[in-house]
Amino acid sequence: MLSEIAPAVAPRRRPRLPSDTLRRALLDLADHKATITDHKERSWASITFAGTRHEIALTFEGSEAVEAGEHFITHLPEHLFDIPGQLVADAAILSVDHQLGAEQRMQVSIEVLLLEES
C-alpha cells in the first residue's frame, strides 16, 4: 500500500527590513569581525521626514577584530550606506570601551538615523 507524502513546502522568507539591511551593512563595514550584541529601534519623525532611530552595540574581540573596530570608528560617520528606500541621515559613535591586554576587546555603541525616501 502506497502512502501519500505531502510535498515539501519551502519555508516563507520574511521580507528583508531596513534594519536587517542596516545590520548587514554595519557588519560589512566592520569587515565581519564584530558581533552585534544589542539593537534598539524606535520610530522617529519631524515635520517633513519620517524614519527610525537605531541604537546598536557591537563587540570586537581579539587584536585583528579590534583593528577592524578602529577602522569602523574612523569611517562610520562618513560611510555611504546603500539601504533601499532609506537614507542614512546621521551615523554617530556614542561610546567606545577598549580593553587592552592578552584578550583585546572593544565595545562600540552607535546611533543611526534612517529616513524614509519619498
PDB file of N, CA and C in Angstrom:
ATOM      1  N   MET A   1       0.836  -1.162   0.000  1.00  0.00           N
ATOM      2  CA  MET A   1       0.000   0.000   0.000  1.00  0.00           C
ATOM      3  C   MET A   1       0.892   1.240   0.000  1.00  0.00           C
ATOM      4  N   LEU A   2       0.631   2.130  -0.910  1.00  0.00           N
ATOM      5  CA  LEU A   2       1.400   3.359  -1.014  1.00  0.00           C
ATOM      6  C   LEU A   2       0.760   4.437  -0.155  1.00  0.00           C
ATOM      7  N   SER A   3       1.590   5.081   0.606  1.00  0.00           N
ATOM      8  CA  SER A   3       1.049   6.197   1.400  1.00  0.00           C
ATOM      9  C   SER A   3       1.387   7.504   0.695  1.00  0.00           C
ATOM     10  N   GLU A   4       0.523   8.429   0.853  1.00  0.00           N
ATOM     11  CA  GLU A   4       0.755   9.720   0.226  1.00  0.00           C
ATOM     12  C   GLU A   4       1.711  10.534   1.088  1.00  0.00           C
ATOM     13  N   ILE A   5       2.657  11.160   0.410  1.00  0.00           N
ATOM     14  CA  ILE A   5       3.613  12.010   1.100  1.00  0.00           C
ATOM     15  C   ILE A   5       3.328  13.438   0.683  1.00  0.00           C
ATOM     16  N   ALA A   6       3.165  14.258   1.687  1.00  0.00           N
ATOM     17  CA  ALA A   6       2.899  15.675   1.402  1.00  0.00           C
ATOM     18  C   ALA A   6       4.140  16.299   0.778  1.00  0.00           C
ATOM     19  N   PRO A   7       3.942  17.106  -0.248  1.00  0.00           N
ATOM     20  CA  PRO A   7       5.095  17.756  -0.869  1.00  0.00           C
ATOM     21  C   PRO A   7       5.757  18.711   0.125  1.00  0.00           C
ATOM     22  N   ALA A   8       7.077  18.776   0.009  1.00  0.00           N
ATOM     23  CA  ALA A   8       7.823  19.681   0.887  1.00  0.00           C
ATOM     24  C   ALA A   8       7.472  21.122   0.535  1.00  0.00           C
ATOM     25  N   VAL A   9       7.222  21.884   1.545  1.00  0.00           N
ATOM     26  CA  VAL A   9       6.884  23.285   1.349  1.00  0.00           C
ATOM     27  C   VAL A   9       8.066  24.111   1.833  1.00  0.00           C
ATOM     28  N   ALA A  10       8.545  24.945   0.946  1.00  0.00           N
ATOM     29  CA  ALA A  10       9.668  25.803   1.329  1.00  0.00           C
ATOM     30  C   ALA A  10       9.206  26.802   2.371  1.00  0.00           C
ATOM     31  N   PRO A  11      10.021  27.004   3.408  1.00  0.00           N
ATOM     32  CA  PRO A  11       9.625  27.988   4.417  1.00  0.00           C
ATOM     33  C   PRO A  11       9.571  29.384   3.800  1.00  0.00           C
ATOM     34  N   ARG A  12       8.604  30.141   4.248  1.00  0.00           N
ATOM     35  CA  ARG A  12       8.467  31.502   3.734  1.00  0.00           C
ATOM     36  C   ARG A  12       9.556  32.375   4.330  1.00  0.00           C
ATOM     37  N   ARG A  13      10.192  33.127   3.465  1.00  0.00           N
ATOM     38  CA  ARG A  13      11.200  34.067   3.933  1.00  0.00           C
ATOM     39  C   ARG A  13      10.508  35.396   4.166  1.00  0.00           C
ATOM     40  N   ARG A  14      10.737  35.959   5.323  1.00  0.00           N
ATOM     41  CA  ARG A  14      10.142  37.260   5.586  1.00  0.00           C
ATOM     42  C   ARG A  14      10.887  38.307   4.772  1.00  0.00           C
ATOM     43  N   PRO A  15      10.214  39.330   4.366  1.00  0.00           N
ATOM     44  CA  PRO A  15      10.880  40.370   3.580  1.00  0.00           C
ATOM     45  C   PRO A  15      12.016  40.996   4.387  1.00  0.00           C
ATOM     46  N   ARG A  16      13.076  41.342   3.703  1.00  0.00           N
ATOM     47  CA  ARG A  16      14.200  41.981   4.380  1.00  0.00           C
ATOM     48  C   ARG A  16      13.792  43.390   4.777  1.00  0.00           C
ATOM     49  N   LEU A  17      13.918  43.690   6.039  1.00  0.00           N
ATOM     50  CA  LEU A  17      13.572  45.003   6.569  1.00  0.00           C
ATOM     51  C   LEU A  17      14.774  45.926   6.489  1.00  0.00           C
ATOM     52  N   PRO A  18      14.547  47.241   6.497  1.00  0.00           N
ATOM     53  CA  PRO A  18      15.680  48.170   6.504  1.00  0.00           C
ATOM     54  C   PRO A  18      16.649  47.906   7.658  1.00  0.00           C
ATOM     55  N   SER A  19      16.129  47.510   8.819  1.00  0.00           N
ATOM     56  CA  SER A  19      17.014  47.231   9.955  1.00  0.00           C
ATOM     57  C   SER A  19      17.916  46.025   9.675  1.00  0.00           C
ATOM     58  N   ASP A  20      17.410  45.032   8.949  1.00  0.00           N
ATOM     59  CA  ASP A  20      18.237  43.887   8.558  1.00  0.00           C
ATOM     60  C   ASP A  20      19.364  44.338   7.631  1.00  0.00           C
ATOM     61  N   THR A  21      19.015  45.172   6.664  1.00  0.00           N
ATOM     62  CA  THR A  21      19.994  45.669   5.709  1.00  0.00           C
ATOM     63  C   THR A  21      21.012  46.554   6.416  1.00  0.00           C
ATOM     64  N   LEU A  22      20.569  47.351   7.369  1.00  0.00           N
ATOM     65  CA  LEU A  22      21.484  48.190   8.141  1.00  0.00           C
ATOM     66  C   LEU A  22      22.479  47.329   8.911  1.00  0.00           C
ATOM     67  N   ARG A  23      21.993  46.299   9.601  1.00  0.00           N
ATOM     68  CA  ARG A  23      22.905  45.418  10.352  1.00  0.00           C
ATOM     69  C   ARG A  23      23.924  44.765   9.428  1.00  0.00           C
ATOM     70  N   ARG A  24      23.475  44.305   8.273  1.00  0.00           N
ATOM     71  CA  ARG A  24      24.386  43.677   7.314  1.00  0.00           C
ATOM     72  C   ARG A  24      25.442  44.691   6.840  1.00  0.00           C
ATOM     73  N   ALA A  25      25.021  45.929   6.561  1.00  0.00           N
ATOM     74  CA  ALA A  25      25.949  46.968   6.115  1.00  0.00           C
ATOM     75  C   ALA A  25      26.960  47.314   7.213  1.00  0.00           C
ATOM     76  N   LEU A  26      26.519  47.340   8.454  1.00  0.00           N
ATOM     77  CA  LEU A  26      27.435  47.622   9.556  1.00  0.00           C
ATOM     78  C   LEU A  26      28.465  46.509   9.709  1.00  0.00           C
ATOM     79  N   LEU A  27      28.025  45.261   9.580  1.00  0.00           N
ATOM     80  CA  LEU A  27      28.963  44.145   9.669  1.00  0.00           C
ATOM     81  C   LEU A  27      29.941  44.153   8.498  1.00  0.00           C
ATOM     82  N   ASP A  28      29.479  44.568   7.316  1.00  0.00           N
ATOM     83  CA  ASP A  28      30.386  44.724   6.171  1.00  0.00           C
ATOM     84  C   ASP A  28      31.447  45.779   6.485  1.00  0.00           C
ATOM     85  N   LEU A  29      31.012  46.914   7.026  1.00  0.00           N
ATOM     86  CA  LEU A  29      31.950  47.982   7.370  1.00  0.00           C
ATOM     87  C   LEU A  29      32.943  47.518   8.436  1.00  0.00           C
ATOM     88  N   ALA A  30      32.503  46.618   9.306  1.00  0.00           N
ATOM     89  CA  ALA A  30      33.358  46.068  10.363  1.00  0.00           C
ATOM     90  C   ALA A  30      34.174  44.875   9.874  1.00  0.00           C
ATOM     91  N   ASP A  31      34.184  44.646   8.573  1.00  0.00           N
ATOM     92  CA  ASP A  31      34.929  43.536   7.960  1.00  0.00           C
ATOM     93  C   ASP A  31      34.510  42.183   8.560  1.00  0.00           C
ATOM     94  N   HIS A  32      33.269  42.096   9.002  1.00  0.00           N
ATOM     95  CA  HIS A  32      32.697  40.875   9.594  1.00  0.00           C
ATOM     96  C   HIS A  32      33.513  40.370  10.778  1.00  0.00           C
ATOM     97  N   LYS A  33      34.118  41.289  11.511  1.00  0.00           N
ATOM     98  CA  LYS A  33      34.907  40.924  12.684  1.00  0.00           C
ATOM     99  C   LYS A  33      34.237  41.415  13.969  1.00  0.00           C
ATOM    100  N   ALA A  34      32.976  41.778  13.859  1.00  0.00           N
ATOM    101  CA  ALA A  34      32.209  42.250  15.021  1.00  0.00           C
ATOM    102  C   ALA A  34      30.989  41.378  15.221  1.00  0.00           C
ATOM    103  N   THR A  35      30.468  41.443  16.415  1.00  0.00           N
ATOM    104  CA  THR A  35      29.202  40.807  16.746  1.00  0.00           C
ATOM    105  C   THR A  35      28.256  41.907  17.217  1.00  0.00           C
ATOM    106  N   ILE A  36      27.061  41.920  16.671  1.00  0.00           N
ATOM    107  CA  ILE A  36      26.059  42.872  17.148  1.00  0.00           C
ATOM    108  C   ILE A  36      25.435  42.264  18.393  1.00  0.00           C
ATOM    109  N   THR A  37      25.613  42.949  19.515  1.00  0.00           N
ATOM    110  CA  THR A  37      25.144  42.418  20.794  1.00  0.00           C
ATOM    111  C   THR A  37      23.840  43.046  21.265  1.00  0.00           C
ATOM    112  N   ASP A  38      23.453  44.164  20.647  1.00  0.00           N
ATOM    113  CA  ASP A  38      22.192  44.800  21.027  1.00  0.00           C
ATOM    114  C   ASP A  38      21.745  45.707  19.883  1.00  0.00           C
ATOM    115  N   HIS A  39      20.443  45.788  19.673  1.00  0.00           N
ATOM    116  CA  HIS A  39      19.893  46.665  18.639  1.00  0.00           C
ATOM    117  C   HIS A  39      18.515  47.117  19.099  1.00  0.00           C
ATOM    118  N   LYS A  40      18.405  48.417  19.321  1.00  0.00           N
ATOM    119  CA  LYS A  40      17.117  49.010  19.695  1.00  0.00           C
ATOM    120  C   LYS A  40      16.699  49.945  18.572  1.00  0.00           C
ATOM    121  N   GLU A  41      15.457  49.859  18.211  1.00  0.00           N
ATOM    122  CA  GLU A  41      14.922  50.663  17.107  1.00  0.00           C
ATOM    123  C   GLU A  41      13.656  51.363  17.593  1.00  0.00           C
ATOM    124  N   ARG A  42      13.555  52.653  17.268  1.00  0.00           N
ATOM    125  CA  ARG A  42      12.328  53.374  17.610  1.00  0.00           C
ATOM    126  C   ARG A  42      11.971  54.327  16.473  1.00  0.00           C
ATOM    127  N   SER A  43      10.699  54.566  16.324  1.00  0.00           N
ATOM    128  CA  SER A  43      10.218  55.468  15.279  1.00  0.00           C
ATOM    129  C   SER A  43      10.711  56.872  15.555  1.00  0.00           C
ATOM    130  N   TRP A  44      10.896  57.600  14.467  1.00  0.00           N
ATOM    131  CA  TRP A  44      11.344  58.991  14.555  1.00  0.00           C
ATOM    132  C   TRP A  44      10.628  59.784  13.478  1.00  0.00           C
ATOM    133  N   ALA A  45      10.243  61.011  13.787  1.00  0.00           N
ATOM    134  CA  ALA A  45       9.596  61.848  12.782  1.00  0.00           C
ATOM    135  C   ALA A  45       9.835  63.317  13.102  1.00  0.00           C
ATOM    136  N   SER A  46       9.888  64.105  12.038  1.00  0.00           N
ATOM    137  CA  SER A  46       9.904  65.559  12.148  1.00  0.00           C
ATOM    138  C   SER A  46       8.731  66.053  11.316  1.00  0.00           C
ATOM    139  N   ILE A  47       8.634  67.337  11.114  1.00  0.00           N
ATOM    140  CA  ILE A  47       7.530  67.871  10.315  1.00  0.00           C
ATOM    141  C   ILE A  47       7.613  67.370   8.875  1.00  0.00           C
ATOM    142  N   THR A  48       8.828  67.229   8.371  1.00  0.00           N
ATOM    143  CA  THR A  48       8.997  66.875   6.953  1.00  0.00           C
ATOM    144  C   THR A  48       9.498  65.454   6.698  1.00  0.00           C
ATOM    145  N   PHE A  49      10.038  64.770   7.709  1.00  0.00           N
ATOM    146  CA  PHE A  49      10.624  63.450   7.488  1.00  0.00           C
ATOM    147  C   PHE A  49      10.109  62.436   8.497  1.00  0.00           C
ATOM    148  N   ALA A  50      10.134  61.165   8.089  1.00  0.00           N
ATOM    149  CA  ALA A  50       9.808  60.052   8.991  1.00  0.00           C
ATOM    150  C   ALA A  50      10.892  59.000   8.837  1.00  0.00           C
ATOM    151  N   GLY A  51      11.116  58.266   9.892  1.00  0.00           N
ATOM    152  CA  GLY A  51      12.128  57.226   9.822  1.00  0.00           C
ATOM    153  C   GLY A  51      12.244  56.483  11.133  1.00  0.00           C
ATOM    154  N   THR A  52      13.439  55.938  11.359  1.00  0.00           N
ATOM    155  CA  THR A  52      13.704  55.180  12.581  1.00  0.00           C
ATOM    156  C   THR A  52      15.094  55.528  13.099  1.00  0.00           C
ATOM    157  N   ARG A  53      15.201  55.535  14.417  1.00  0.00           N
ATOM    158  CA  ARG A  53      16.489  55.761  15.077  1.00  0.00           C
ATOM    159  C   ARG A  53      16.937  54.418  15.647  1.00  0.00           C
ATOM    160  N   HIS A  54      18.190  54.067  15.363  1.00  0.00           N
ATOM    161  CA  HIS A  54      18.741  52.766  15.769  1.00  0.00           C
ATOM    162  C   HIS A  54      19.914  52.970  16.715  1.00  0.00           C
ATOM    163  N   GLU A  55      19.857  52.320  17.867  1.00  0.00           N
ATOM    164  CA  GLU A  55      20.995  52.267  18.782  1.00  0.00           C
ATOM    165  C   GLU A  55      21.515  50.844  18.723  1.00  0.00           C
ATOM    166  N   ILE A  56      22.783  50.712  18.352  1.00  0.00           N
ATOM    167  CA  ILE A  56      23.354  49.390  18.107  1.00  0.00           C
ATOM    168  C   ILE A  56      24.670  49.262  18.868  1.00  0.00           C
ATOM    169  N   ALA A  57      24.871  48.127  19.506  1.00  0.00           N
ATOM    170  CA  ALA A  57      26.122  47.823  20.201  1.00  0.00           C
ATOM    171  C   ALA A  57      26.839  46.714  19.442  1.00  0.00           C
ATOM    172  N   LEU A  58      28.122  46.933  19.197  1.00  0.00           N
ATOM    173  CA  LEU A  58      28.953  45.944  18.510  1.00  0.00           C
ATOM    174  C   LEU A  58      30.136  45.594  19.408  1.00  0.00           C
ATOM    175  N   THR A  59      30.566  44.337  19.355  1.00  0.00           N
ATOM    176  CA  THR A  59      31.719  43.885  20.115  1.00  0.00           C
ATOM    177  C   THR A  59      32.754  43.327  19.147  1.00  0.00           C
ATOM    178  N   PHE A  60      33.990  43.776  19.318  1.00  0.00           N
ATOM    179  CA  PHE A  60      35.131  43.306  18.534  1.00  0.00           C
ATOM    180  C   PHE A  60      36.061  42.580  19.508  1.00  0.00           C
ATOM    181  N   GLU A  61      36.316  41.287  19.265  1.00  0.00           N
ATOM    182  CA  GLU A  61      37.158  40.503  20.181  1.00  0.00           C
ATOM    183  C   GLU A  61      38.398  39.999  19.472  1.00  0.00           C
ATOM    184  N   GLY A  62      39.568  40.250  20.086  1.00  0.00           N
ATOM    185  CA  GLY A  62      40.843  39.838  19.516  1.00  0.00           C
ATOM    186  C   GLY A  62      41.519  41.005  18.814  1.00  0.00           C
ATOM    187  N   SER A  63      42.831  40.933  18.677  1.00  0.00           N
ATOM    188  CA  SER A  63      43.590  42.064  18.136  1.00  0.00           C
ATOM    189  C   SER A  63      43.197  42.404  16.705  1.00  0.00           C
ATOM    190  N   GLU A  64      42.959  41.404  15.873  1.00  0.00           N
ATOM    191  CA  GLU A  64      42.558  41.655  14.484  1.00  0.00           C
ATOM    192  C   GLU A  64      41.183  42.322  14.430  1.00  0.00           C
ATOM    193  N   ALA A  65      40.286  41.870  15.275  1.00  0.00           N
ATOM    194  CA  ALA A  65      38.942  42.447  15.313  1.00  0.00           C
ATOM    195  C   ALA A  65      38.985  43.877  15.852  1.00  0.00           C
ATOM    196  N   VAL A  66      39.806  44.126  16.862  1.00  0.00           N
ATOM    197  CA  VAL A  66      39.918  45.476  17.422  1.00  0.00           C
ATOM    198  C   VAL A  66      40.470  46.425  16.361  1.00  0.00           C
ATOM    199  N   GLU A  67      41.413  45.961  15.559  1.00  0.00           N
ATOM    200  CA  GLU A  67      41.926  46.780  14.460  1.00  0.00           C
ATOM    201  C   GLU A  67      40.807  47.117  13.473  1.00  0.00           C
ATOM    202  N   ALA A  68      39.966  46.128  13.159  1.00  0.00           N
ATOM    203  CA  ALA A  68      38.814  46.371  12.287  1.00  0.00           C
ATOM    204  C   ALA A  68      37.849  47.347  12.962  1.00  0.00           C
ATOM    205  N   GLY A  69      37.723  47.267  14.281  1.00  0.00           N
ATOM    206  CA  GLY A  69      36.865  48.184  15.027  1.00  0.00           C
ATOM    207  C   GLY A  69      37.357  49.614  14.967  1.00  0.00           C
ATOM    208  N   GLU A  70      38.661  49.786  15.007  1.00  0.00           N
ATOM    209  CA  GLU A  70      39.229  51.134  14.894  1.00  0.00           C
ATOM    210  C   GLU A  70      38.940  51.718  13.511  1.00  0.00           C
ATOM    211  N   HIS A  71      39.032  50.880  12.484  1.00  0.00           N
ATOM    212  CA  HIS A  71      38.676  51.302  11.125  1.00  0.00           C
ATOM    213  C   HIS A  71      37.190  51.671  11.071  1.00  0.00           C
ATOM    214  N   PHE A  72      36.360  50.851  11.691  1.00  0.00           N
ATOM    215  CA  PHE A  72      34.912  51.079  11.742  1.00  0.00           C
ATOM    216  C   PHE A  72      34.601  52.441  12.356  1.00  0.00           C
ATOM    217  N   ILE A  73      35.232  52.741  13.489  1.00  0.00           N
ATOM    218  CA  ILE A  73      35.000  54.004  14.192  1.00  0.00           C
ATOM    219  C   ILE A  73      35.389  55.191  13.315  1.00  0.00           C
ATOM    220  N   THR A  74      36.517  55.066  12.640  1.00  0.00           N
ATOM    221  CA  THR A  74      37.011  56.154  11.795  1.00  0.00           C
ATOM    222  C   THR A  74      36.088  56.420  10.617  1.00  0.00           C
ATOM    223  N   HIS A  75      35.553  55.358  10.010  1.00  0.00           N
ATOM    224  CA  HIS A  75      34.809  55.509   8.763  1.00  0.00           C
ATOM    225  C   HIS A  75      33.287  55.580   8.899  1.00  0.00           C
ATOM    226  N   LEU A  76      32.730  55.203  10.032  1.00  0.00           N
ATOM    227  CA  LEU A  76      31.267  55.188  10.172  1.00  0.00           C
ATOM    228  C   LEU A  76      30.604  56.538   9.886  1.00  0.00           C
ATOM    229  N   PRO A  77      31.077  57.641  10.473  1.00  0.00           N
ATOM    230  CA  PRO A  77      30.341  58.900  10.283  1.00  0.00           C
ATOM    231  C   PRO A  77      30.207  59.351   8.828  1.00  0.00           C
ATOM    232  N   GLU A  78      31.149  58.988   7.966  1.00  0.00           N
ATOM    233  CA  GLU A  78      31.111  59.432   6.572  1.00  0.00           C
ATOM    234  C   GLU A  78      30.772  58.305   5.594  1.00  0.00           C
ATOM    235  N   HIS A  79      30.476  57.122   6.110  1.00  0.00           N
ATOM    236  CA  HIS A  79      30.210  55.967   5.243  1.00  0.00           C
ATOM    237  C   HIS A  79      28.929  56.172   4.432  1.00  0.00           C
ATOM    238  N   LEU A  80      28.980  55.819   3.161  1.00  0.00           N
ATOM    239  CA  LEU A  80      27.791  55.898   2.304  1.00  0.00           C
ATOM    240  C   LEU A  80      27.096  54.541   2.305  1.00  0.00           C
ATOM    241  N   PHE A  81      25.957  54.477   2.929  1.00  0.00           N
ATOM    242  CA  PHE A  81      25.196  53.238   3.033  1.00  0.00           C
ATOM    243  C   PHE A  81      24.288  53.081   1.819  1.00  0.00           C
ATOM    244  N   ASP A  82      24.039  51.842   1.441  1.00  0.00           N
ATOM    245  CA  ASP A  82      23.111  51.535   0.358  1.00  0.00           C
ATOM    246  C   ASP A  82      21.978  50.702   0.944  1.00  0.00           C
ATOM    247  N   ILE A  83      20.941  51.393   1.403  1.00  0.00           N
ATOM    248  CA  ILE A  83      19.789  50.736   2.006  1.00  0.00           C
ATOM    249  C   ILE A  83      18.574  51.157   1.192  1.00  0.00           C
ATOM    250  N   PRO A  84      18.027  50.248   0.393  1.00  0.00           N
ATOM    251  CA  PRO A  84      16.910  50.599  -0.495  1.00  0.00           C
ATOM    252  C   PRO A  84      15.753  51.273   0.253  1.00  0.00           C
ATOM    253  N   GLY A  85      15.317  52.407  -0.284  1.00  0.00           N
ATOM    254  CA  GLY A  85      14.187  53.130   0.288  1.00  0.00           C
ATOM    255  C   GLY A  85      14.522  53.941   1.522  1.00  0.00           C
ATOM    256  N   GLN A  86      15.786  53.949   1.911  1.00  0.00           N
ATOM    257  CA  GLN A  86      16.190  54.637   3.137  1.00  0.00           C
ATOM    258  C   GLN A  86      17.400  55.529   2.869  1.00  0.00           C
ATOM    259  N   LEU A  87      17.510  56.576   3.647  1.00  0.00           N
ATOM    260  CA  LEU A  87      18.654  57.470   3.605  1.00  0.00           C
ATOM    261  C   LEU A  87      19.224  57.528   5.010  1.00  0.00           C
ATOM    262  N   VAL A  88      20.533  57.306   5.140  1.00  0.00           N
ATOM    263  CA  VAL A  88      21.167  57.441   6.449  1.00  0.00           C
ATOM    264  C   VAL A  88      21.449  58.928   6.656  1.00  0.00           C
ATOM    265  N   ALA A  89      20.667  59.545   7.532  1.00  0.00           N
ATOM    266  CA  ALA A  89      20.798  60.979   7.789  1.00  0.00           C
ATOM    267  C   ALA A  89      21.925  61.269   8.768  1.00  0.00           C
ATOM    268  N   ASP A  90      22.192  60.317   9.666  1.00  0.00           N
ATOM    269  CA  ASP A  90      23.239  60.514  10.665  1.00  0.00           C
ATOM    270  C   ASP A  90      23.699  59.156  11.168  1.00  0.00           C
ATOM    271  N   ALA A  91      25.002  59.037  11.344  1.00  0.00           N
ATOM    272  CA  ALA A  91      25.590  57.834  11.941  1.00  0.00           C
ATOM    273  C   ALA A  91      26.682  58.312  12.885  1.00  0.00           C
ATOM    274  N   ALA A  92      26.513  58.049  14.166  1.00  0.00           N
ATOM    275  CA  ALA A  92      27.429  58.602  15.166  1.00  0.00           C
ATOM    276  C   ALA A  92      27.892  57.530  16.151  1.00  0.00           C
ATOM    277  N   ILE A  93      29.110  57.704  16.625  1.00  0.00           N
ATOM    278  CA  ILE A  93      29.653  56.863  17.686  1.00  0.00           C
ATOM    279  C   ILE A  93      29.177  57.450  19.011  1.00  0.00           C
ATOM    280  N   LEU A  94      28.532  56.635  19.844  1.00  0.00           N
ATOM    281  CA  LEU A  94      28.076  57.099  21.152  1.00  0.00           C
ATOM    282  C   LEU A  94      29.115  56.834  22.230  1.00  0.00           C
ATOM    283  N   SER A  95      29.750  55.644  22.170  1.00  0.00           N
ATOM    284  CA  SER A  95      30.761  55.307  23.172  1.00  0.00           C
ATOM    285  C   SER A  95      31.660  54.193  22.652  1.00  0.00           C
ATOM    286  N   VAL A  96      32.865  54.161  23.217  1.00  0.00           N
ATOM    287  CA  VAL A  96      33.832  53.116  22.900  1.00  0.00           C
ATOM    288  C   VAL A  96      34.462  52.664  24.207  1.00  0.00           C
ATOM    289  N   ASP A  97      34.445  51.371  24.451  1.00  0.00           N
ATOM    290  CA  ASP A  97      35.106  50.787  25.620  1.00  0.00           C
ATOM    291  C   ASP A  97      36.169  49.836  25.084  1.00  0.00           C
ATOM    292  N   HIS A  98      37.418  50.211  25.252  1.00  0.00           N
ATOM    293  CA  HIS A  98      38.535  49.455  24.684  1.00  0.00           C
ATOM    294  C   HIS A  98      39.320  48.811  25.819  1.00  0.00           C
ATOM    295  N   GLN A  99      39.376  47.475  25.831  1.00  0.00           N
ATOM    296  CA  GLN A  99      40.104  46.745  26.860  1.00  0.00           C
ATOM    297  C   GLN A  99      41.357  46.155  26.238  1.00  0.00           C
ATOM    298  N   LEU A 100      42.509  46.561  26.776  1.00  0.00           N
ATOM    299  CA  LEU A 100      43.783  46.053  26.275  1.00  0.00           C
ATOM    300  C   LEU A 100      44.225  44.872  27.110  1.00  0.00           C
ATOM    301  N   GLY A 101      45.279  44.219  26.668  1.00  0.00           N
ATOM    302  CA  GLY A 101      45.810  43.082  27.390  1.00  0.00           C
ATOM    303  C   GLY A 101      45.857  41.872  26.488  1.00  0.00           C
ATOM    304  N   ALA A 102      45.998  40.714  27.096  1.00  0.00           N
ATOM    305  CA  ALA A 102      46.094  39.472  26.320  1.00  0.00           C
ATOM    306  C   ALA A 102      44.833  39.231  25.500  1.00  0.00           C
ATOM    307  N   GLU A 103      43.696  39.560  26.062  1.00  0.00           N
ATOM    308  CA  GLU A 103      42.413  39.389  25.370  1.00  0.00           C
ATOM    309  C   GLU A 103      41.863  40.763  24.998  1.00  0.00           C
ATOM    310  N   GLN A 104      42.304  41.296  23.876  1.00  0.00           N
ATOM    311  CA  GLN A 104      41.813  42.609  23.463  1.00  0.00           C
ATOM    312  C   GLN A 104      40.331  42.523  23.111  1.00  0.00           C
ATOM    313  N   ARG A 105      39.647  43.571  23.489  1.00  0.00           N
ATOM    314  CA  ARG A 105      38.203  43.624  23.239  1.00  0.00           C
ATOM    315  C   ARG A 105      37.780  45.087  23.145  1.00  0.00           C
ATOM    316  N   MET A 106      36.890  45.365  22.234  1.00  0.00           N
ATOM    317  CA  MET A 106      36.375  46.717  22.109  1.00  0.00           C
ATOM    318  C   MET A 106      34.867  46.641  21.913  1.00  0.00           C
ATOM    319  N   GLN A 107      34.157  47.441  22.698  1.00  0.00           N
ATOM    320  CA  GLN A 107      32.714  47.541  22.559  1.00  0.00           C
ATOM    321  C   GLN A 107      32.401  48.944  22.059  1.00  0.00           C
ATOM    322  N   VAL A 108      31.591  49.004  21.012  1.00  0.00           N
ATOM    323  CA  VAL A 108      31.257  50.264  20.371  1.00  0.00           C
ATOM    324  C   VAL A 108      29.739  50.399  20.342  1.00  0.00           C
ATOM    325  N   SER A 109      29.257  51.549  20.812  1.00  0.00           N
ATOM    326  CA  SER A 109      27.827  51.849  20.732  1.00  0.00           C
ATOM    327  C   SER A 109      27.654  52.960  19.711  1.00  0.00           C
ATOM    328  N   ILE A 110      26.702  52.769  18.814  1.00  0.00           N
ATOM    329  CA  ILE A 110      26.459  53.751  17.761  1.00  0.00           C
ATOM    330  C   ILE A 110      24.983  54.100  17.703  1.00  0.00           C
ATOM    331  N   GLU A 111      24.706  55.195  17.015  1.00  0.00           N
ATOM    332  CA  GLU A 111      23.331  55.573  16.745  1.00  0.00           C
ATOM    333  C   GLU A 111      23.234  55.937  15.271  1.00  0.00           C
ATOM    334  N   VAL A 112      22.209  55.413  14.609  1.00  0.00           N
ATOM    335  CA  VAL A 112      21.992  55.660  13.195  1.00  0.00           C
ATOM    336  C   VAL A 112      20.552  56.113  12.999  1.00  0.00           C
ATOM    337  N   LEU A 113      20.398  57.209  12.242  1.00  0.00           N
ATOM    338  CA  LEU A 113      19.069  57.703  11.907  1.00  0.00           C
ATOM    339  C   LEU A 113      18.779  57.391  10.452  1.00  0.00           C
ATOM    340  N   LEU A 114      17.764  56.550  10.226  1.00  0.00           N
ATOM    341  CA  LEU A 114      17.324  56.206   8.859  1.00  0.00           C
ATOM    342  C   LEU A 114      16.070  57.001   8.550  1.00  0.00           C
ATOM    343  N   LEU A 115      16.082  57.635   7.387  1.00  0.00           N
ATOM    344  CA  LEU A 115      14.895  58.362   6.930  1.00  0.00           C
ATOM    345  C   LEU A 115      14.312  57.659   5.725  1.00  0.00           C
ATOM    346  N   GLU A 116      12.995  57.612   5.664  1.00  0.00           N
ATOM    347  CA  GLU A 116      12.315  57.003   4.522  1.00  0.00           C
ATOM    348  C   GLU A 116      12.449  57.943   3.316  1.00  0.00           C
ATOM    349  N   GLU A 117      12.894  57.401   2.191  1.00  0.00           N
ATOM    350  CA  GLU A 117      12.970  58.186   0.968  1.00  0.00           C
ATOM    351  C   GLU A 117      11.573  58.310   0.395  1.00  0.00           C
ATOM    352  N   SER A 118      11.257  59.481  -0.130  1.00  0.00           N
ATOM    353  CA  SER A 118       9.922  59.648  -0.710  1.00  0.00           C
ATOM    354  C   SER A 118       9.981  59.664  -2.217  1.00  0.00           C
TER     355      SER A 118
END
